[in-house]
PDB file of N, CA and C in Angstrom:
ATOM      1  N   MET A   1       3.091   7.384  -1.622  1.00  0.00           N
ATOM      2  CA  MET A   1       2.806   6.854  -0.318  1.00  0.00           C
ATOM      3  C   MET A   1       1.567   7.330   0.273  1.00  0.00           C
ATOM      4  N   ARG A   2       1.318   8.666   0.177  1.00  0.00           N
ATOM      5  CA  ARG A   2       0.058   9.225   0.708  1.00  0.00           C
ATOM      6  C   ARG A   2      -1.166   8.573   0.024  1.00  0.00           C
ATOM      7  N   ASP A   3      -1.013   8.373  -1.322  1.00  0.00           N
ATOM      8  CA  ASP A   3      -2.096   7.748  -2.055  1.00  0.00           C
ATOM      9  C   ASP A   3      -2.493   6.353  -1.527  1.00  0.00           C
ATOM     10  N   ARG A   4      -1.387   5.650  -1.229  1.00  0.00           N
ATOM     11  CA  ARG A   4      -1.662   4.233  -0.657  1.00  0.00           C
ATOM     12  C   ARG A   4      -2.314   4.313   0.669  1.00  0.00           C
ATOM     13  N   VAL A   5      -1.885   5.151   1.551  1.00  0.00           N
ATOM     14  CA  VAL A   5      -2.490   5.271   2.890  1.00  0.00           C
ATOM     15  C   VAL A   5      -3.983   5.672   2.758  1.00  0.00           C
ATOM     16  N   LEU A   6      -4.241   6.647   1.909  1.00  0.00           N
ATOM     17  CA  LEU A   6      -5.617   7.115   1.632  1.00  0.00           C
ATOM     18  C   LEU A   6      -6.490   5.996   1.095  1.00  0.00           C
ATOM     19  N   LEU A   7      -5.931   5.345   0.103  1.00  0.00           N
ATOM     20  CA  LEU A   7      -6.764   4.266  -0.505  1.00  0.00           C
ATOM     21  C   LEU A   7      -7.052   3.098   0.449  1.00  0.00           C
ATOM     22  N   MET A   8      -6.004   2.786   1.215  1.00  0.00           N
ATOM     23  CA  MET A   8      -6.276   1.726   2.260  1.00  0.00           C
ATOM     24  C   MET A   8      -7.215   2.093   3.262  1.00  0.00           C
ATOM     25  N   ALA A   9      -7.291   3.410   3.716  1.00  0.00           N
ATOM     26  CA  ALA A   9      -8.218   3.831   4.684  1.00  0.00           C
ATOM     27  C   ALA A   9      -9.652   3.838   4.062  1.00  0.00           C
ATOM     28  N   ILE A  10      -9.834   4.234   2.808  1.00  0.00           N
ATOM     29  CA  ILE A  10     -11.131   4.196   2.188  1.00  0.00           C
ATOM     30  C   ILE A  10     -11.529   2.779   2.075  1.00  0.00           C
ATOM     31  N   MET A  11     -10.657   1.872   1.611  1.00  0.00           N
ATOM     32  CA  MET A  11     -11.083   0.483   1.480  1.00  0.00           C
ATOM     33  C   MET A  11     -11.494  -0.133   2.827  1.00  0.00           C
ATOM     34  N   ARG A  12     -10.822   0.170   3.862  1.00  0.00           N
ATOM     35  CA  ARG A  12     -11.221  -0.265   5.245  1.00  0.00           C
ATOM     36  C   ARG A  12     -12.628   0.181   5.609  1.00  0.00           C
ATOM     37  N   HIS A  13     -12.941   1.421   5.302  1.00  0.00           N
ATOM     38  CA  HIS A  13     -14.281   1.967   5.694  1.00  0.00           C
ATOM     39  C   HIS A  13     -15.347   1.409   4.789  1.00  0.00           C
ATOM     40  N   VAL A  14     -15.093   1.199   3.577  1.00  0.00           N
ATOM     41  CA  VAL A  14     -16.042   0.582   2.656  1.00  0.00           C
ATOM     42  C   VAL A  14     -16.359  -0.916   3.087  1.00  0.00           C
ATOM     43  N   LEU A  15     -15.334  -1.573   3.346  1.00  0.00           N
ATOM     44  CA  LEU A  15     -15.476  -2.965   3.807  1.00  0.00           C
ATOM     45  C   LEU A  15     -16.219  -3.072   5.079  1.00  0.00           C
ATOM     46  N   THR A  16     -15.877  -2.118   5.981  1.00  0.00           N
ATOM     47  CA  THR A  16     -16.609  -2.091   7.322  1.00  0.00           C
ATOM     48  C   THR A  16     -18.036  -1.852   7.087  1.00  0.00           C
ATOM     49  N   ALA A  17     -18.380  -0.922   6.240  1.00  0.00           N
ATOM     50  CA  ALA A  17     -19.785  -0.599   5.953  1.00  0.00           C
ATOM     51  C   ALA A  17     -20.550  -1.799   5.409  1.00  0.00           C
ATOM     52  N   LEU A  18     -19.891  -2.391   4.346  1.00  0.00           N
ATOM     53  CA  LEU A  18     -20.514  -3.550   3.755  1.00  0.00           C
ATOM     54  C   LEU A  18     -20.659  -4.787   4.691  1.00  0.00           C
ATOM     55  N   GLY A  19     -19.620  -4.924   5.494  1.00  0.00           N
ATOM     56  CA  GLY A  19     -19.585  -6.041   6.403  1.00  0.00           C
ATOM     57  C   GLY A  19     -20.569  -5.819   7.583  1.00  0.00           C
ATOM     58  N   GLY A  20     -20.840  -4.528   7.961  1.00  0.00           N
ATOM     59  CA  GLY A  20     -21.751  -4.205   8.933  1.00  0.00           C
ATOM     60  C   GLY A  20     -23.134  -4.618   8.532  1.00  0.00           C
ATOM     61  N   GLY A  21     -23.419  -4.439   7.296  1.00  0.00           N
ATOM     62  CA  GLY A  21     -24.787  -4.880   6.743  1.00  0.00           C
ATOM     63  C   GLY A  21     -24.866  -6.390   6.860  1.00  0.00           C
ATOM     64  N   LEU A  22     -23.809  -7.145   6.550  1.00  0.00           N
ATOM     65  CA  LEU A  22     -23.895  -8.616   6.633  1.00  0.00           C
ATOM     66  C   LEU A  22     -24.014  -9.071   8.091  1.00  0.00           C
ATOM     67  N   VAL A  23     -23.356  -8.314   9.050  1.00  0.00           N
ATOM     68  CA  VAL A  23     -23.479  -8.666  10.413  1.00  0.00           C
ATOM     69  C   VAL A  23     -24.868  -8.428  10.917  1.00  0.00           C
ATOM     70  N   THR A  24     -25.452  -7.272  10.430  1.00  0.00           N
ATOM     71  CA  THR A  24     -26.886  -6.972  10.865  1.00  0.00           C
ATOM     72  C   THR A  24     -27.825  -8.013  10.374  1.00  0.00           C
ATOM     73  N   GLN A  25     -27.586  -8.589   9.166  1.00  0.00           N
ATOM     74  CA  GLN A  25     -28.489  -9.536   8.702  1.00  0.00           C
ATOM     75  C   GLN A  25     -28.215 -10.919   9.230  1.00  0.00           C
ATOM     76  N   GLY A  26     -27.209 -11.115  10.036  1.00  0.00           N
ATOM     77  CA  GLY A  26     -26.849 -12.371  10.604  1.00  0.00           C
ATOM     78  C   GLY A  26     -26.088 -13.305   9.755  1.00  0.00           C
ATOM     79  N   LEU A  27     -25.484 -12.748   8.725  1.00  0.00           N
ATOM     80  CA  LEU A  27     -24.772 -13.604   7.737  1.00  0.00           C
ATOM     81  C   LEU A  27     -23.275 -13.771   8.126  1.00  0.00           C
ATOM     82  N   LEU A  28     -22.806 -12.791   9.010  1.00  0.00           N
ATOM     83  CA  LEU A  28     -21.421 -12.876   9.503  1.00  0.00           C
ATOM     84  C   LEU A  28     -21.397 -12.531  10.959  1.00  0.00           C
ATOM     85  N   SER A  29     -20.420 -13.005  11.680  1.00  0.00           N
ATOM     86  CA  SER A  29     -20.279 -12.553  13.035  1.00  0.00           C
ATOM     87  C   SER A  29     -19.348 -11.417  12.996  1.00  0.00           C
ATOM     88  N   SER A  30     -19.183 -10.624  14.097  1.00  0.00           N
ATOM     89  CA  SER A  30     -18.333  -9.477  14.099  1.00  0.00           C
ATOM     90  C   SER A  30     -16.784  -9.892  14.026  1.00  0.00           C
ATOM     91  N   ASP A  31     -16.540 -11.120  14.586  1.00  0.00           N
ATOM     92  CA  ASP A  31     -15.205 -11.619  14.516  1.00  0.00           C
ATOM     93  C   ASP A  31     -14.782 -11.943  13.139  1.00  0.00           C
ATOM     94  N   GLU A  32     -15.760 -12.659  12.398  1.00  0.00           N
ATOM     95  CA  GLU A  32     -15.479 -12.932  10.998  1.00  0.00           C
ATOM     96  C   GLU A  32     -15.279 -11.693  10.144  1.00  0.00           C
ATOM     97  N   LEU A  33     -16.031 -10.700  10.358  1.00  0.00           N
ATOM     98  CA  LEU A  33     -15.922  -9.395   9.686  1.00  0.00           C
ATOM     99  C   LEU A  33     -14.486  -8.823   9.897  1.00  0.00           C
ATOM    100  N   SER A  34     -14.089  -8.814  11.180  1.00  0.00           N
ATOM    101  CA  SER A  34     -12.681  -8.177  11.501  1.00  0.00           C
ATOM    102  C   SER A  34     -11.629  -8.930  10.776  1.00  0.00           C
ATOM    103  N   GLN A  35     -11.757 -10.296  10.821  1.00  0.00           N
ATOM    104  CA  GLN A  35     -10.692 -11.153  10.168  1.00  0.00           C
ATOM    105  C   GLN A  35     -10.739 -10.933   8.676  1.00  0.00           C
ATOM    106  N   GLY A  36     -11.896 -10.931   8.152  1.00  0.00           N
ATOM    107  CA  GLY A  36     -12.007 -10.681   6.656  1.00  0.00           C
ATOM    108  C   GLY A  36     -11.485  -9.391   6.196  1.00  0.00           C
ATOM    109  N   ILE A  37     -11.781  -8.315   6.878  1.00  0.00           N
ATOM    110  CA  ILE A  37     -11.314  -6.957   6.508  1.00  0.00           C
ATOM    111  C   ILE A  37      -9.731  -6.875   6.682  1.00  0.00           C
ATOM    112  N   GLY A  38      -9.251  -7.470   7.738  1.00  0.00           N
ATOM    113  CA  GLY A  38      -7.854  -7.448   7.971  1.00  0.00           C
ATOM    114  C   GLY A  38      -7.106  -8.253   6.855  1.00  0.00           C
ATOM    115  N   SER A  39      -7.757  -9.331   6.394  1.00  0.00           N
ATOM    116  CA  SER A  39      -7.028 -10.158   5.391  1.00  0.00           C
ATOM    117  C   SER A  39      -7.030  -9.392   4.069  1.00  0.00           C
ATOM    118  N   VAL A  40      -8.200  -8.835   3.748  1.00  0.00           N
ATOM    119  CA  VAL A  40      -8.287  -8.117   2.400  1.00  0.00           C
ATOM    120  C   VAL A  40      -7.348  -6.907   2.407  1.00  0.00           C
ATOM    121  N   VAL A  41      -7.343  -6.141   3.503  1.00  0.00           N
ATOM    122  CA  VAL A  41      -6.391  -4.996   3.523  1.00  0.00           C
ATOM    123  C   VAL A  41      -4.951  -5.418   3.445  1.00  0.00           C
ATOM    124  N   THR A  42      -4.574  -6.456   4.083  1.00  0.00           N
ATOM    125  CA  THR A  42      -3.229  -6.995   4.079  1.00  0.00           C
ATOM    126  C   THR A  42      -2.839  -7.534   2.738  1.00  0.00           C
ATOM    127  N   LEU A  43      -3.678  -8.223   2.138  1.00  0.00           N
ATOM    128  CA  LEU A  43      -3.387  -8.700   0.765  1.00  0.00           C
ATOM    129  C   LEU A  43      -3.272  -7.637  -0.239  1.00  0.00           C
ATOM    130  N   ALA A  44      -4.216  -6.578  -0.073  1.00  0.00           N
ATOM    131  CA  ALA A  44      -4.136  -5.447  -0.962  1.00  0.00           C
ATOM    132  C   ALA A  44      -2.801  -4.719  -0.849  1.00  0.00           C
ATOM    133  N   GLY A  45      -2.414  -4.552   0.361  1.00  0.00           N
ATOM    134  CA  GLY A  45      -1.114  -3.821   0.679  1.00  0.00           C
ATOM    135  C   GLY A  45       0.054  -4.659   0.038  1.00  0.00           C
ATOM    136  N   ILE A  46       0.109  -5.881   0.161  1.00  0.00           N
ATOM    137  CA  ILE A  46       1.161  -6.695  -0.465  1.00  0.00           C
ATOM    138  C   ILE A  46       1.141  -6.593  -1.931  1.00  0.00           C
ATOM    139  N   LEU A  47      -0.064  -6.655  -2.499  1.00  0.00           N
ATOM    140  CA  LEU A  47      -0.217  -6.684  -3.918  1.00  0.00           C
ATOM    141  C   LEU A  47       0.343  -5.254  -4.497  1.00  0.00           C
ATOM    142  N   TRP A  48      -0.126  -4.167  -3.759  1.00  0.00           N
ATOM    143  CA  TRP A  48       0.252  -2.876  -4.156  1.00  0.00           C
ATOM    144  C   TRP A  48       1.830  -2.718  -4.151  1.00  0.00           C
ATOM    145  N   SER A  49       2.360  -3.236  -3.121  1.00  0.00           N
ATOM    146  CA  SER A  49       3.905  -3.101  -2.946  1.00  0.00           C
ATOM    147  C   SER A  49       4.553  -3.848  -4.063  1.00  0.00           C
ATOM    148  N   VAL A  50       4.083  -5.013  -4.454  1.00  0.00           N
ATOM    149  CA  VAL A  50       4.735  -5.796  -5.499  1.00  0.00           C
ATOM    150  C   VAL A  50       4.624  -4.985  -6.845  1.00  0.00           C
ATOM    151  N   ILE A  51       3.423  -4.365  -7.082  1.00  0.00           N
ATOM    152  CA  ILE A  51       3.196  -3.710  -8.303  1.00  0.00           C
ATOM    153  C   ILE A  51       4.065  -2.454  -8.373  1.00  0.00           C
ATOM    154  N   GLU A  52       4.202  -1.671  -7.257  1.00  0.00           N
ATOM    155  CA  GLU A  52       5.058  -0.530  -7.257  1.00  0.00           C
ATOM    156  C   GLU A  52       6.548  -0.859  -7.532  1.00  0.00           C
ATOM    157  N   LYS A  53       6.996  -1.945  -6.890  1.00  0.00           N
ATOM    158  CA  LYS A  53       8.392  -2.380  -7.044  1.00  0.00           C
ATOM    159  C   LYS A  53       8.678  -2.763  -8.500  1.00  0.00           C
ATOM    160  N   ARG A  54       7.721  -3.485  -9.168  1.00  0.00           N
ATOM    161  CA  ARG A  54       7.933  -3.809 -10.558  1.00  0.00           C
ATOM    162  C   ARG A  54       7.935  -2.587 -11.483  1.00  0.00           C
ATOM    163  N   GLN A  55       7.028  -1.679 -11.118  1.00  0.00           N
ATOM    164  CA  GLN A  55       7.025  -0.391 -11.952  1.00  0.00           C
ATOM    165  C   GLN A  55       8.283   0.362 -11.788  1.00  0.00           C
ATOM    166  N   ARG A  56       8.822   0.431 -10.578  1.00  0.00           N
ATOM    167  CA  ARG A  56      10.059   1.175 -10.372  1.00  0.00           C
ATOM    168  C   ARG A  56      11.224   0.436 -11.087  1.00  0.00           C
ATOM    169  N   ALA A  57      11.219  -0.859 -11.154  1.00  0.00           N
ATOM    170  CA  ALA A  57      12.321  -1.592 -11.757  1.00  0.00           C
ATOM    171  C   ALA A  57      12.324  -1.350 -13.312  1.00  0.00           C
ATOM    172  N   CYS A  58      11.172  -1.022 -13.861  1.00  0.00           N
ATOM    173  CA  CYS A  58      11.048  -0.727 -15.267  1.00  0.00           C
ATOM    174  C   CYS A  58      11.471   0.619 -15.665  1.00  0.00           C
ATOM    175  N   LEU A  59      11.590   1.537 -14.655  1.00  0.00           N
ATOM    176  CA  LEU A  59      11.872   2.955 -15.034  1.00  0.00           C
ATOM    177  C   LEU A  59      13.433   2.996 -15.323  1.00  0.00           C
ATOM    178  N   PRO A  60      13.815   3.949 -16.214  1.00  0.00           N
ATOM    179  CA  PRO A  60      15.234   4.130 -16.460  1.00  0.00           C
ATOM    180  C   PRO A  60      15.914   4.680 -15.302  1.00  0.00           C
ATOM    181  N   ARG A  61      17.045   4.259 -14.953  1.00  0.00           N
ATOM    182  CA  ARG A  61      17.865   4.695 -13.855  1.00  0.00           C
ATOM    183  C   ARG A  61      18.507   6.080 -14.182  1.00  0.00           C
ATOM    184  N   PRO A  62      18.381   7.104 -13.246  1.00  0.00           N
ATOM    185  CA  PRO A  62      19.119   8.309 -13.627  1.00  0.00           C
ATOM    186  C   PRO A  62      20.675   8.151 -13.586  1.00  0.00           C
ATOM    187  N   PRO A  63      21.377   8.914 -14.406  1.00  0.00           N
ATOM    188  CA  PRO A  63      22.806   8.812 -14.390  1.00  0.00           C
ATOM    189  C   PRO A  63      23.392   9.149 -13.011  1.00  0.00           C
ATOM    190  N   ASP A  64      24.516   8.593 -12.745  1.00  0.00           N
ATOM    191  CA  ASP A  64      25.215   8.892 -11.442  1.00  0.00           C
ATOM    192  C   ASP A  64      25.872  10.288 -11.585  1.00  0.00           C
ATOM    193  N   PRO A  65      25.874  11.057 -10.470  1.00  0.00           N
ATOM    194  CA  PRO A  65      26.513  12.363 -10.609  1.00  0.00           C
ATOM    195  C   PRO A  65      27.965  12.235 -10.719  1.00  0.00           C
ATOM    196  N   PRO A  66      28.639  13.182 -11.345  1.00  0.00           N
ATOM    197  CA  PRO A  66      30.109  13.075 -11.449  1.00  0.00           C
ATOM    198  C   PRO A  66      30.800  13.097 -10.213  1.00  0.00           C
ATOM    199  N   ALA A  67      31.845  12.282 -10.079  1.00  0.00           N
ATOM    200  CA  ALA A  67      32.631  12.321  -8.793  1.00  0.00           C
ATOM    201  C   ALA A  67      33.476  13.567  -8.606  1.00  0.00           C
ATOM    202  N   ALA A  68      33.673  13.974  -7.356  1.00  0.00           N
ATOM    203  CA  ALA A  68      34.490  15.186  -7.160  1.00  0.00           C
ATOM    204  C   ALA A  68      35.968  14.823  -7.387  1.00  0.00           C
ATOM    205  N   GLN A  69      36.634  15.693  -8.079  1.00  0.00           N
ATOM    206  CA  GLN A  69      38.028  15.399  -8.345  1.00  0.00           C
ATOM    207  C   GLN A  69      38.903  15.873  -7.243  1.00  0.00           C
ATOM    208  N   ALA A  70      39.960  15.103  -6.947  1.00  0.00           N
ATOM    209  CA  ALA A  70      40.822  15.451  -5.888  1.00  0.00           C
ATOM    210  C   ALA A  70      41.615  16.686  -6.202  1.00  0.00           C
ATOM    211  N   GLY A  71      41.800  17.571  -5.199  1.00  0.00           N
ATOM    212  CA  GLY A  71      42.542  18.806  -5.342  1.00  0.00           C
ATOM    213  C   GLY A  71      41.735  19.853  -6.006  1.00  0.00           C
ATOM    214  N   SER A  72      40.470  19.781  -6.145  1.00  0.00           N
ATOM    215  CA  SER A  72      39.619  20.825  -6.767  1.00  0.00           C
ATOM    216  C   SER A  72      39.252  21.910  -5.769  1.00  0.00           C
ATOM    217  N   GLY A  73      39.533  21.657  -4.465  1.00  0.00           N
ATOM    218  CA  GLY A  73      39.277  22.668  -3.418  1.00  0.00           C
ATOM    219  C   GLY A  73      37.926  22.566  -2.916  1.00  0.00           C
ATOM    220  N   GLU A  74      37.045  21.712  -3.325  1.00  0.00           N
ATOM    221  CA  GLU A  74      35.738  21.557  -2.777  1.00  0.00           C
ATOM    222  C   GLU A  74      35.763  20.577  -1.699  1.00  0.00           C
ATOM    223  N   ARG A  75      34.976  20.883  -0.637  1.00  0.00           N
ATOM    224  CA  ARG A  75      34.904  20.041   0.560  1.00  0.00           C
ATOM    225  C   ARG A  75      33.510  19.765   0.859  1.00  0.00           C
TER     226      ARG A  75
END
């Protein structure tokens, strides 16, 4: 989870820096930059979530712990 948050923060900063150059050159407006960065980060988050869920589905499931037997004195 921490890796995901860190990667998303880095991605936002990189996109902001690149987009700032485009805004400075007059190729993008600041509104277009904000919308573009938000879209890219949102899609990346969705894609990452799907990949993580598929990877977890492929992992072997750990065995269930044995059930406590009645009358064993454990509570």
